[in-house]
Protein backbone atom coordinates (compact mmCIF):
# COMPACT_ATOMS: atom_id res chain seq x y z
CA MET A 1 87.86 173.32 81.69
CA ARG A 2 88.18 170.42 84.32
CA GLY A 3 87.45 167.16 84.15
CA GLU A 4 83.74 165.55 83.83
CA GLY A 5 83.63 164.42 87.46
CA ALA A 6 84.11 167.94 88.95
CA MET A 7 81.00 168.66 90.82
CA ASP A 8 81.90 172.33 91.57
CA TYR A 9 81.33 174.77 88.82
CA ARG A 10 84.22 177.33 87.98
CA ILE A 11 83.54 180.71 86.86
CA GLY A 12 85.71 183.57 86.50
CA ALA A 13 85.58 187.26 86.10
CA GLY A 14 86.89 188.74 82.65
CA THR A 15 86.28 192.07 83.16
CA GLY A 16 84.80 194.68 85.66
CA PHE A 17 83.90 197.32 83.18
CA ALA A 18 84.24 198.00 79.31
CA GLY A 19 87.78 199.76 79.77
CA ASP A 20 89.47 197.09 81.98
CA ARG A 21 92.64 195.40 81.18
CA TYR A 22 92.70 192.70 78.65
CA GLU A 23 95.62 190.40 80.09
CA PRO A 24 94.07 189.27 83.34
CA ALA A 25 91.19 187.49 81.32
CA GLU A 26 94.09 185.77 79.16
CA VAL A 27 95.75 184.46 82.31
CA LEU A 28 92.55 183.10 83.59
CA ALA A 29 91.81 181.49 80.34
CA ARG A 30 95.32 179.88 80.20
CA SER A 31 95.59 178.85 83.66
CA ALA A 32 92.28 178.64 85.66
CA SER A 33 90.38 175.54 83.92
CA LEU A 34 87.27 177.62 83.71
CA ASP A 35 83.90 176.29 83.06
CA ALA A 36 82.42 180.00 82.29
CA LEU A 37 84.20 183.29 81.82
CA VAL A 38 82.14 186.45 82.24
CA PHE A 39 82.76 189.82 80.62
CA GLU A 40 80.87 192.41 82.52
CA CYS A 41 81.24 195.66 80.69
CA LEU A 42 78.21 198.14 81.12
CA ALA A 43 78.21 200.83 83.52
CA GLU A 44 75.18 202.96 84.16
CA ARG A 45 75.52 205.38 81.14
CA THR A 46 77.30 202.88 78.71
CA ILE A 47 74.15 202.09 76.84
CA ALA A 48 72.95 205.52 76.67
CA LEU A 49 76.27 206.70 75.42
CA ALA A 50 76.53 204.09 72.68
CA VAL A 51 73.00 205.15 71.51
CA ALA A 52 73.78 208.90 71.50
CA ALA A 53 77.10 208.26 69.63
CA ARG A 54 75.41 205.96 67.01
CA ASP A 55 72.62 208.52 66.45
CA ALA A 56 75.28 211.52 66.09
CA ALA A 57 77.09 209.36 63.40
CA GLY A 58 74.03 208.44 61.63
CA GLY A 59 74.40 204.74 62.36
CA GLY A 60 76.82 202.25 63.11
CA ARG A 61 77.55 199.78 66.08
CA GLY A 62 75.79 200.20 69.38
CA PHE A 63 77.72 197.14 70.99
CA ASP A 64 81.24 197.75 72.51
CA PRO A 65 83.83 196.60 69.69
CA ARG A 66 86.39 195.97 72.32
CA ILE A 67 84.70 192.71 72.95
CA VAL A 68 85.70 191.17 69.97
CA ARG A 69 89.29 191.84 70.88
CA ARG A 70 88.74 190.30 74.31
CA ILE A 71 86.95 187.35 73.18
CA SER A 72 89.55 186.74 70.32
CA ALA A 73 92.20 186.74 72.71
CA VAL A 74 90.77 184.11 75.15
CA LEU A 75 89.35 181.72 72.52
CA PRO A 76 92.56 180.12 71.70
CA LEU A 77 93.47 179.57 75.27
CA LEU A 78 90.08 177.99 76.69
CA ASP A 79 88.60 174.62 76.50
CA PRO A 80 85.92 174.77 73.34
CA ARG A 81 83.38 173.66 76.16
CA THR A 82 83.79 176.53 78.31
CA ILE A 83 81.14 179.15 78.34
CA ILE A 84 81.51 182.90 77.55
CA VAL A 85 78.76 185.51 78.77
CA THR A 86 78.91 189.20 78.21
CA ASN A 87 76.55 192.21 78.38
CA ALA A 88 78.95 194.10 75.82
CA GLY A 89 76.07 193.83 73.25
CA ALA A 90 74.97 197.20 74.95
CA ALA A 91 72.58 198.83 72.32
CA ASP A 92 72.91 196.14 69.77
CA PRO A 93 73.49 192.80 71.08
CA ARG A 94 72.56 191.01 67.80
CA GLY A 95 75.35 193.09 66.15
CA GLY A 96 77.72 192.07 68.83
CA ALA A 97 77.05 188.49 68.53
CA LEU A 98 77.42 188.45 64.94
CA ALA A 99 80.71 190.13 65.30
CA ILE A 100 81.88 187.67 67.93
CA ARG A 101 80.70 184.83 65.63
CA GLU A 102 82.57 185.94 62.77
CA ALA A 103 85.81 186.56 64.52
CA ALA A 104 85.77 183.03 66.17
CA ALA A 105 85.33 181.58 62.69
CA GLU A 106 88.36 183.35 61.55
CA LEU A 107 90.26 181.90 64.27
CA GLY A 108 89.29 178.43 63.43
CA ARG A 109 87.50 178.19 66.91
CA PRO A 110 84.01 178.37 65.87
CA ARG A 111 81.21 178.96 68.56
CA VAL A 112 77.49 178.83 68.84
CA VAL A 113 76.53 182.44 69.61
CA ALA A 114 73.26 183.82 70.95
CA ALA A 115 71.98 187.32 71.45
CA VAL A 116 69.75 188.09 74.27
CA THR A 117 67.35 191.08 73.81
CA GLY A 118 64.38 192.74 75.43
CA ASP A 119 65.90 195.12 77.70
CA ASP A 120 65.00 198.21 75.26
CA VAL A 121 61.72 199.29 76.92
CA LEU A 122 61.96 202.90 75.43
CA ASP A 123 58.76 202.28 73.54
CA ILE A 124 56.79 200.78 76.38
CA LEU A 125 57.88 202.92 79.37
CA ASP A 126 54.86 204.99 80.51
CA PRO A 127 55.52 208.68 80.46
CA SER A 128 53.71 209.04 83.70
CA THR A 129 56.11 206.78 85.37
CA PRO A 130 58.02 208.37 88.43
CA VAL A 131 61.57 209.19 88.33
CA LEU A 132 63.21 207.51 91.30
CA GLY A 133 64.74 209.74 93.99
CA ALA A 134 63.42 212.91 92.59
CA ASP A 135 60.43 215.00 91.62
CA GLY A 136 58.75 214.53 88.27
CA VAL A 137 57.91 211.84 85.91
CA ILE A 138 59.76 210.43 82.73
CA GLY A 139 57.81 212.18 80.26
CA ASP A 140 58.97 215.75 81.85
CA PHE A 141 62.16 214.88 79.79
CA GLY A 142 60.41 214.82 76.38
CA ASP A 143 62.68 214.45 73.45
CA ARG A 144 65.87 214.65 75.55
CA ILE A 145 65.38 210.77 76.15
CA VAL A 146 67.82 208.76 74.19
CA SER A 147 67.60 205.39 75.73
CA ALA A 148 65.55 203.24 78.21
CA ASN A 149 66.74 199.82 79.44
CA ALA A 150 65.30 197.69 81.98
CA TYR A 151 67.85 195.35 83.99
CA LEU A 152 66.92 191.82 82.81
CA GLY A 153 67.62 188.73 85.09
CA SER A 154 69.35 185.39 84.55
CA GLN A 155 66.44 183.52 82.51
CA GLY A 156 67.60 184.85 78.83
CA ILE A 157 70.99 183.59 79.49
CA VAL A 158 69.87 180.31 81.01
CA ASP A 159 67.46 179.86 77.97
CA ALA A 160 70.27 180.71 75.44
CA LEU A 161 72.65 178.15 77.07
CA ASP A 162 69.80 175.48 77.26
CA ALA A 163 69.28 176.25 73.42
CA GLY A 164 72.89 175.17 72.85
CA ALA A 165 74.83 178.38 72.76
CA ASP A 166 78.29 178.52 74.17
CA VAL A 167 78.75 182.22 73.88
CA VAL A 168 75.98 184.54 75.07
CA VAL A 169 75.84 188.41 74.27
CA SER A 170 73.29 190.82 75.93
CA GLY A 171 72.36 194.19 76.60
CA ARG A 172 71.44 195.43 79.94
CA VAL A 173 71.42 192.46 82.44
CA GLY A 174 71.87 192.77 86.09
CA ASP A 175 75.54 192.62 86.78
CA ALA A 176 75.16 189.62 88.86
CA SER A 177 72.64 187.91 86.76
CA LEU A 178 75.32 187.64 84.01
CA PHE A 179 76.99 185.03 86.48
CA VAL A 180 73.81 183.48 87.68
CA GLY A 181 72.89 182.35 84.26
CA PRO A 182 75.75 179.87 83.78
CA LEU A 183 75.33 178.65 87.49
CA ARG A 184 71.64 177.90 86.91
CA HIS A 185 72.27 176.22 83.78
CA HIS A 186 74.93 173.93 84.95
CA HIS A 187 73.50 173.05 88.35
CA GLY A 188 69.92 172.93 87.03
CA TRP A 189 68.17 175.55 89.49
CA ALA A 190 65.02 176.29 88.52
CA PRO A 191 63.27 179.75 88.69
CA ASP A 192 61.73 178.99 92.10
CA ALA A 193 64.92 177.61 93.51
CA LEU A 194 65.35 181.21 95.06
CA ASP A 195 67.82 180.24 98.13
CA ARG A 196 70.23 178.77 95.28
CA ILE A 197 69.59 181.84 93.02
CA ALA A 198 70.54 183.89 96.14
CA ASP A 199 73.67 182.10 96.49
CA ALA A 200 74.54 182.48 92.81
CA THR A 201 73.60 186.32 92.90
CA LEU A 202 76.12 186.44 95.77
CA VAL A 203 78.77 184.94 93.53
CA GLY A 204 78.03 187.22 90.84
CA HIS A 205 78.01 190.24 93.31
CA LEU A 206 81.59 189.41 94.33
CA LEU A 207 83.04 188.74 90.80
CA GLU A 208 81.18 191.44 88.73
CA CYS A 209 83.93 194.07 89.22
CA ALA A 210 86.76 191.47 88.73
CA GLY A 211 90.07 193.08 90.19
CA GLN A 212 88.08 194.86 92.98
CA LEU A 213 87.94 191.38 94.85
CA THR A 214 91.79 190.94 94.46
CA GLY A 215 92.90 194.44 95.68
CA GLY A 216 92.06 196.58 92.99
CA TYR A 217 90.35 199.87 94.37
CA PHE A 218 91.63 198.82 97.69
CA ALA A 219 94.98 199.94 98.10
CA ASP A 220 95.39 202.96 100.33
CA GLY A 221 99.03 203.81 100.79
CA VAL A 222 100.82 202.12 103.68
CA ARG A 223 97.44 201.30 105.53
CA LYS A 224 95.99 198.80 103.06
CA THR A 225 98.91 197.48 100.89
CA VAL A 226 98.39 195.22 97.79
CA PRO A 227 101.52 193.48 96.23
CA ASP A 228 102.18 193.75 92.62
CA LEU A 229 99.09 195.71 91.40
CA ALA A 230 100.67 196.29 87.85
CA ARG A 231 100.00 192.61 87.45
CA LEU A 232 96.74 192.30 89.28
CA GLY A 233 95.15 188.89 88.75
CA PHE A 234 91.23 188.55 88.21
CA PRO A 235 89.28 186.25 90.53
CA TYR A 236 87.33 183.13 90.05
CA ALA A 237 84.88 181.16 92.01
CA ASP A 238 84.18 177.37 92.52
CA VAL A 239 80.68 177.16 93.32
CA ALA A 240 79.30 173.89 94.58
CA PRO A 241 75.69 172.51 93.86
CA GLY A 242 74.43 173.81 97.15
CA GLY A 243 75.43 177.39 96.63
CA ALA A 244 78.72 177.52 98.78
CA ALA A 245 81.84 179.25 96.82
CA VAL A 246 85.24 179.36 97.30
CA TYR A 247 87.11 182.40 95.64
CA ARG A 248 90.77 182.41 94.35
CA LYS A 249 92.96 183.99 91.83
CA VAL A 250 95.63 182.30 89.85
CA GLU A 251 98.83 181.56 91.60
CA GLY A 252 101.61 183.99 90.88
CA THR A 253 99.41 186.82 89.75
CA GLY A 254 99.61 190.33 91.62
CA GLY A 255 96.91 191.51 94.22
CA ARG A 256 95.57 189.86 97.22
CA LEU A 257 92.57 187.88 97.86
CA ASP A 258 91.49 187.69 101.57
CA ARG A 259 88.60 188.50 104.27
CA ARG A 260 89.28 192.15 103.90
CA THR A 261 89.03 192.54 100.15
CA VAL A 262 85.90 190.32 100.06
CA LEU A 263 84.17 192.12 102.64
CA GLU A 264 84.75 195.54 100.97
CA GLN A 265 83.40 194.20 97.75
CA LEU A 266 80.48 192.39 99.71
CA LEU A 267 79.25 195.80 100.78
CA TYR A 268 79.81 197.49 97.31
CA GLU A 269 76.53 199.09 96.07
CA ILE A 270 74.12 196.93 98.00
CA ASP A 271 71.93 199.67 99.90
CA ASN A 272 70.12 197.46 102.28
CA PRO A 273 72.13 194.25 103.02
CA ARG A 274 68.80 192.56 104.42
CA ARG A 275 67.45 193.28 100.76
CA TYR A 276 69.88 193.52 98.22
CA LEU A 277 67.55 193.95 94.88
CA THR A 278 68.47 192.31 91.81
CA PRO A 279 66.48 191.29 88.88
CA ASP A 280 66.43 187.79 89.86
CA VAL A 281 66.00 187.69 93.63
CA ALA A 282 65.92 190.23 96.65
CA VAL A 283 68.99 188.74 98.89
CA ASP A 284 69.36 188.88 102.38
CA LEU A 285 73.13 189.20 102.83
CA SER A 286 72.97 189.69 106.73
CA ALA A 287 74.31 186.22 107.59
CA VAL A 288 76.91 185.95 105.03
CA ARG A 289 80.14 184.24 106.63
CA VAL A 290 83.55 184.93 104.96
CA ASP A 291 86.35 182.90 105.97
CA GLU A 292 90.01 182.29 104.72
CA VAL A 293 90.70 178.90 103.75
CA GLY A 294 94.12 179.10 102.28
CA PRO A 295 96.61 181.55 100.68
CA ASP A 296 94.47 183.87 98.29
CA ALA A 297 91.41 181.57 99.02
CA VAL A 298 88.33 182.57 100.74
CA ALA A 299 84.98 180.68 101.28
CA VAL A 300 81.80 182.78 101.30
CA VAL A 301 78.37 181.35 102.11
CA GLY A 302 75.18 182.59 103.76
CA ALA A 303 73.06 184.45 101.30
CA SER A 304 69.53 183.68 101.57
CA ALA A 305 66.29 184.72 99.39
CA VAL A 306 63.79 187.32 100.61
CA ASP A 307 61.35 187.26 97.38
CA VAL A 308 61.33 188.33 93.79
CA PRO A 309 60.64 191.94 93.25
CA GLY A 310 57.63 192.75 91.34
CA ASP A 311 59.34 195.57 89.41
CA LEU A 312 62.59 195.87 87.43
CA LYS A 313 64.69 199.06 87.39
CA VAL A 314 65.23 201.01 84.40
CA SER A 315 67.97 203.15 83.37
CA VAL A 316 67.03 206.29 81.22
CA GLY A 317 69.50 208.13 79.25
CA VAL A 318 68.84 211.98 78.96
CA ARG A 319 70.57 214.32 77.13
CA ASP A 320 72.21 216.80 79.56
CA GLY A 321 73.76 219.57 77.52
CA HIS A 322 77.15 220.12 76.58
CA VAL A 323 80.07 220.40 79.03
CA ALA A 324 83.30 222.65 78.55
CA ILE A 325 86.22 222.22 80.40
CA ALA A 326 89.08 224.45 79.98
CA GLU A 327 92.38 224.54 81.84
CA ILE A 328 95.71 226.64 81.96
CA SER A 329 98.59 226.33 84.25
CA TYR A 330 100.80 228.87 86.24
CA ALA A 331 104.25 228.31 87.99
CA GLY A 332 106.81 229.74 90.07
CA ALA A 333 106.22 232.44 92.65
CA GLY A 334 102.91 233.85 92.95
CA CYS A 335 101.45 231.28 90.76
CA VAL A 336 98.25 230.92 93.13
CA GLY A 337 97.54 234.58 92.88
CA ARG A 338 98.03 234.66 89.01
CA ALA A 339 95.63 231.68 88.76
CA GLN A 340 93.18 233.67 90.79
CA LEU A 341 93.25 236.75 88.87
CA ALA A 342 92.97 234.81 85.76
CA GLU A 343 89.81 233.09 87.11
CA ARG A 344 88.43 236.85 88.01
CA ILE A 345 88.99 237.88 84.44
CA ILE A 346 87.08 234.99 83.07
CA ARG A 347 83.94 235.41 85.60
CA GLU A 348 84.08 239.13 84.85
CA ARG A 349 83.96 238.54 81.06
CA TRP A 350 81.53 236.06 81.11
CA VAL A 351 78.73 238.06 82.44
CA GLU A 352 79.63 241.63 81.50
CA VAL A 353 81.09 241.23 78.19
CA LEU A 354 79.75 238.00 76.72
CA GLY A 355 76.31 238.26 78.62
CA ARG A 356 76.33 234.62 79.43
CA SER A 357 74.41 233.40 82.47
CA SER A 358 75.25 229.67 82.86
CA GLU A 359 77.02 229.04 86.03
CA LEU A 360 80.84 228.66 85.93
CA ARG A 361 82.63 225.98 87.90
CA SER A 362 86.46 226.70 88.91
CA SER A 363 89.02 225.01 90.98
CA LEU A 364 92.68 225.47 91.26
CA ILE A 365 94.15 222.04 90.92
CA GLY A 366 96.87 221.46 93.63
CA VAL A 367 95.22 224.03 95.90
CA ASP A 368 91.63 223.57 96.25
CA ALA A 369 90.24 220.92 93.84
CA THR A 370 89.71 218.33 96.74
CA ARG A 371 90.26 220.56 99.78
CA PRO A 372 87.57 220.68 102.39
CA TRP A 373 85.95 224.39 102.15
CA TRP A 374 86.48 224.95 105.79
CA ARG A 375 90.32 224.60 105.61
CA ASP A 376 91.63 227.81 104.32
CA GLU A 377 95.22 227.85 105.19
CA VAL A 378 97.27 225.78 102.54
CA PRO A 379 100.97 226.30 101.77
CA GLU A 380 101.59 227.88 98.38
CA PRO A 381 102.72 225.25 95.66
CA SER A 382 105.12 226.03 93.13
CA GLU A 383 102.67 225.27 90.41
CA VAL A 384 99.03 225.39 90.17
CA ARG A 385 96.46 224.52 87.16
CA LEU A 386 93.30 226.58 86.79
CA ARG A 387 90.27 224.40 85.82
CA MET A 388 87.14 226.13 84.78
CA SER A 389 83.82 224.49 83.42
CA VAL A 390 80.25 225.08 82.41
CA ARG A 391 77.24 222.87 81.68
CA SER A 392 74.96 224.45 78.87
CA PHE A 393 72.45 223.01 76.32
CA ASP A 394 73.86 225.97 73.95
CA PRO A 395 77.05 224.59 72.44
CA ALA A 396 78.21 228.24 71.53
CA GLU A 397 78.17 229.05 75.16
CA ALA A 398 80.35 226.18 75.90
CA THR A 399 82.84 227.17 73.06
CA ASP A 400 82.73 230.68 74.79
CA LEU A 401 84.60 229.21 77.90
CA CYS A 402 87.20 227.40 75.85
CA GLU A 403 88.15 230.32 73.93
CA GLU A 404 88.28 232.84 76.82
CA VAL A 405 90.60 230.40 78.77
CA GLU A 406 92.88 230.09 75.77
CA ALA A 407 92.89 233.93 75.41
CA LEU A 408 94.39 234.38 78.83
CA TYR A 409 97.73 233.41 76.95
CA THR A 410 98.03 237.08 75.99
CA ASN A 411 95.33 238.73 77.99
CA GLY A 412 95.82 237.57 81.49
CA PRO A 413 98.22 237.16 84.10
CA SER A 414 101.97 236.53 83.24
CA GLY A 415 103.31 232.99 82.77
CA GLY A 416 100.30 230.94 81.73
CA GLY A 417 100.67 227.84 79.68
CA GLY A 418 99.64 224.35 78.49
CA ALA A 419 95.85 225.60 78.01
CA THR A 420 93.60 222.90 77.08
CA ALA A 421 89.83 222.81 76.33
CA SER A 422 87.26 220.11 75.42
CA ILE A 423 83.53 220.11 74.87
CA ARG A 424 81.41 216.96 75.17
CA GLU A 425 77.77 216.50 74.72
CA THR A 426 76.86 214.85 78.11
CA VAL A 427 74.00 212.20 78.60
CA GLY A 428 72.81 212.08 82.21
CA MET A 429 70.72 209.05 83.75
CA VAL A 430 67.74 208.82 85.90
CA SER A 431 65.96 205.68 86.99
CA ALA A 432 62.66 204.40 86.94
CA LEU A 433 60.60 201.19 87.82
CA ILE A 434 58.61 199.18 85.37
CA PRO A 435 56.57 196.01 86.13
CA ARG A 436 58.43 192.77 85.69
CA ASP A 437 55.56 191.30 83.69
CA ALA A 438 55.73 194.23 80.94
CA VAL A 439 59.18 193.21 80.09
CA ARG A 440 59.98 190.03 77.89
CA HIS A 441 63.38 188.97 76.91
CA ARG A 442 64.06 187.06 73.63
CA VAL A 443 66.82 184.80 72.59
CA GLU A 444 68.26 184.41 69.13
CA VAL A 445 70.79 181.56 68.38
CA LEU A 446 72.82 182.64 65.32
């Protein structure tokens, strides 16, 4: 954390998703003198998967346990005044907050931890609510629904920090809003300071995917090179009271931070750049300016507010059957023909012997798994892997596919090997809208 005279607020990105690397956040904590560190951990399906896993186990944790390891690693490196914010509370923010508080105490680095809840709207979501982007209503899914979580804005985080918390654990909150909260708290931006909140939302949007701003998900062979991706540094931003921000990474870390990497992230998942919808504000990004101001240093300014959306997006998790994936490899001369024969055997038995009706999908990895359908001429490789899959609400049908592929060892073409199979219950996602005034966040300082 920097000296008391610093007017800019320095906020860093510790993760871009739940399975992100650990050490980049530790580098930031050790070397970036942060005022705040944000761990963004929730993809679209994360909460639904956590609920499904918890229910299948008959109880247990609904938060991401990896957050305890992450925060335990950075606490000894951070100034005690540095704020930490995370949405890794997932389906159990309070449980996550308690686990973090206990870990901090064991490290001799006690923290005031708060849980922000209220995103779970399963009990209040009207079954007649239309499904976004599809025909039908939410009630059509019946008892297949496992979760429904509204995207909260930054106010719960602001309230928690105002109440004295220095670690805030939430469930579903808009990704950018995780960064908006500390910025509003520090700079004193009221809920109606919409242009400043738009600026903060832009900061959050650029930082939320962590390494994507510094060259992750950017490299493309010789056309777009990124140095030292094995040691990719995560970004941080210095945000002025007027909302302008300069983005950097720790000197000596891998990656690149320049106009090109920033522009790619700027356009990531925004739909309409003149009305980028978030829980806090609809943002106009059409006048944003991106300028390189030094090595691995980029200034970004120019977001403006359109209005505050009247509805909040809700992600609804829906049980979507079992997916079975089974594979087997063939190598040497004629391997493609043998793999194709194996596929024909499975397809014939699927219908005529087993009496199954669910659609099988197949691909020959190394031949056609990613090949455009209109390109027929492909040189024959020296090895190929047959991949077959099915989605079914009958787990026995999923098991059938796995057993049939394994049986190819002695009942199919010669030279098959390396057969593998897996079955998993899947959770799909649909989206809906809920009136903003129907959702209330709650803050508990533990």
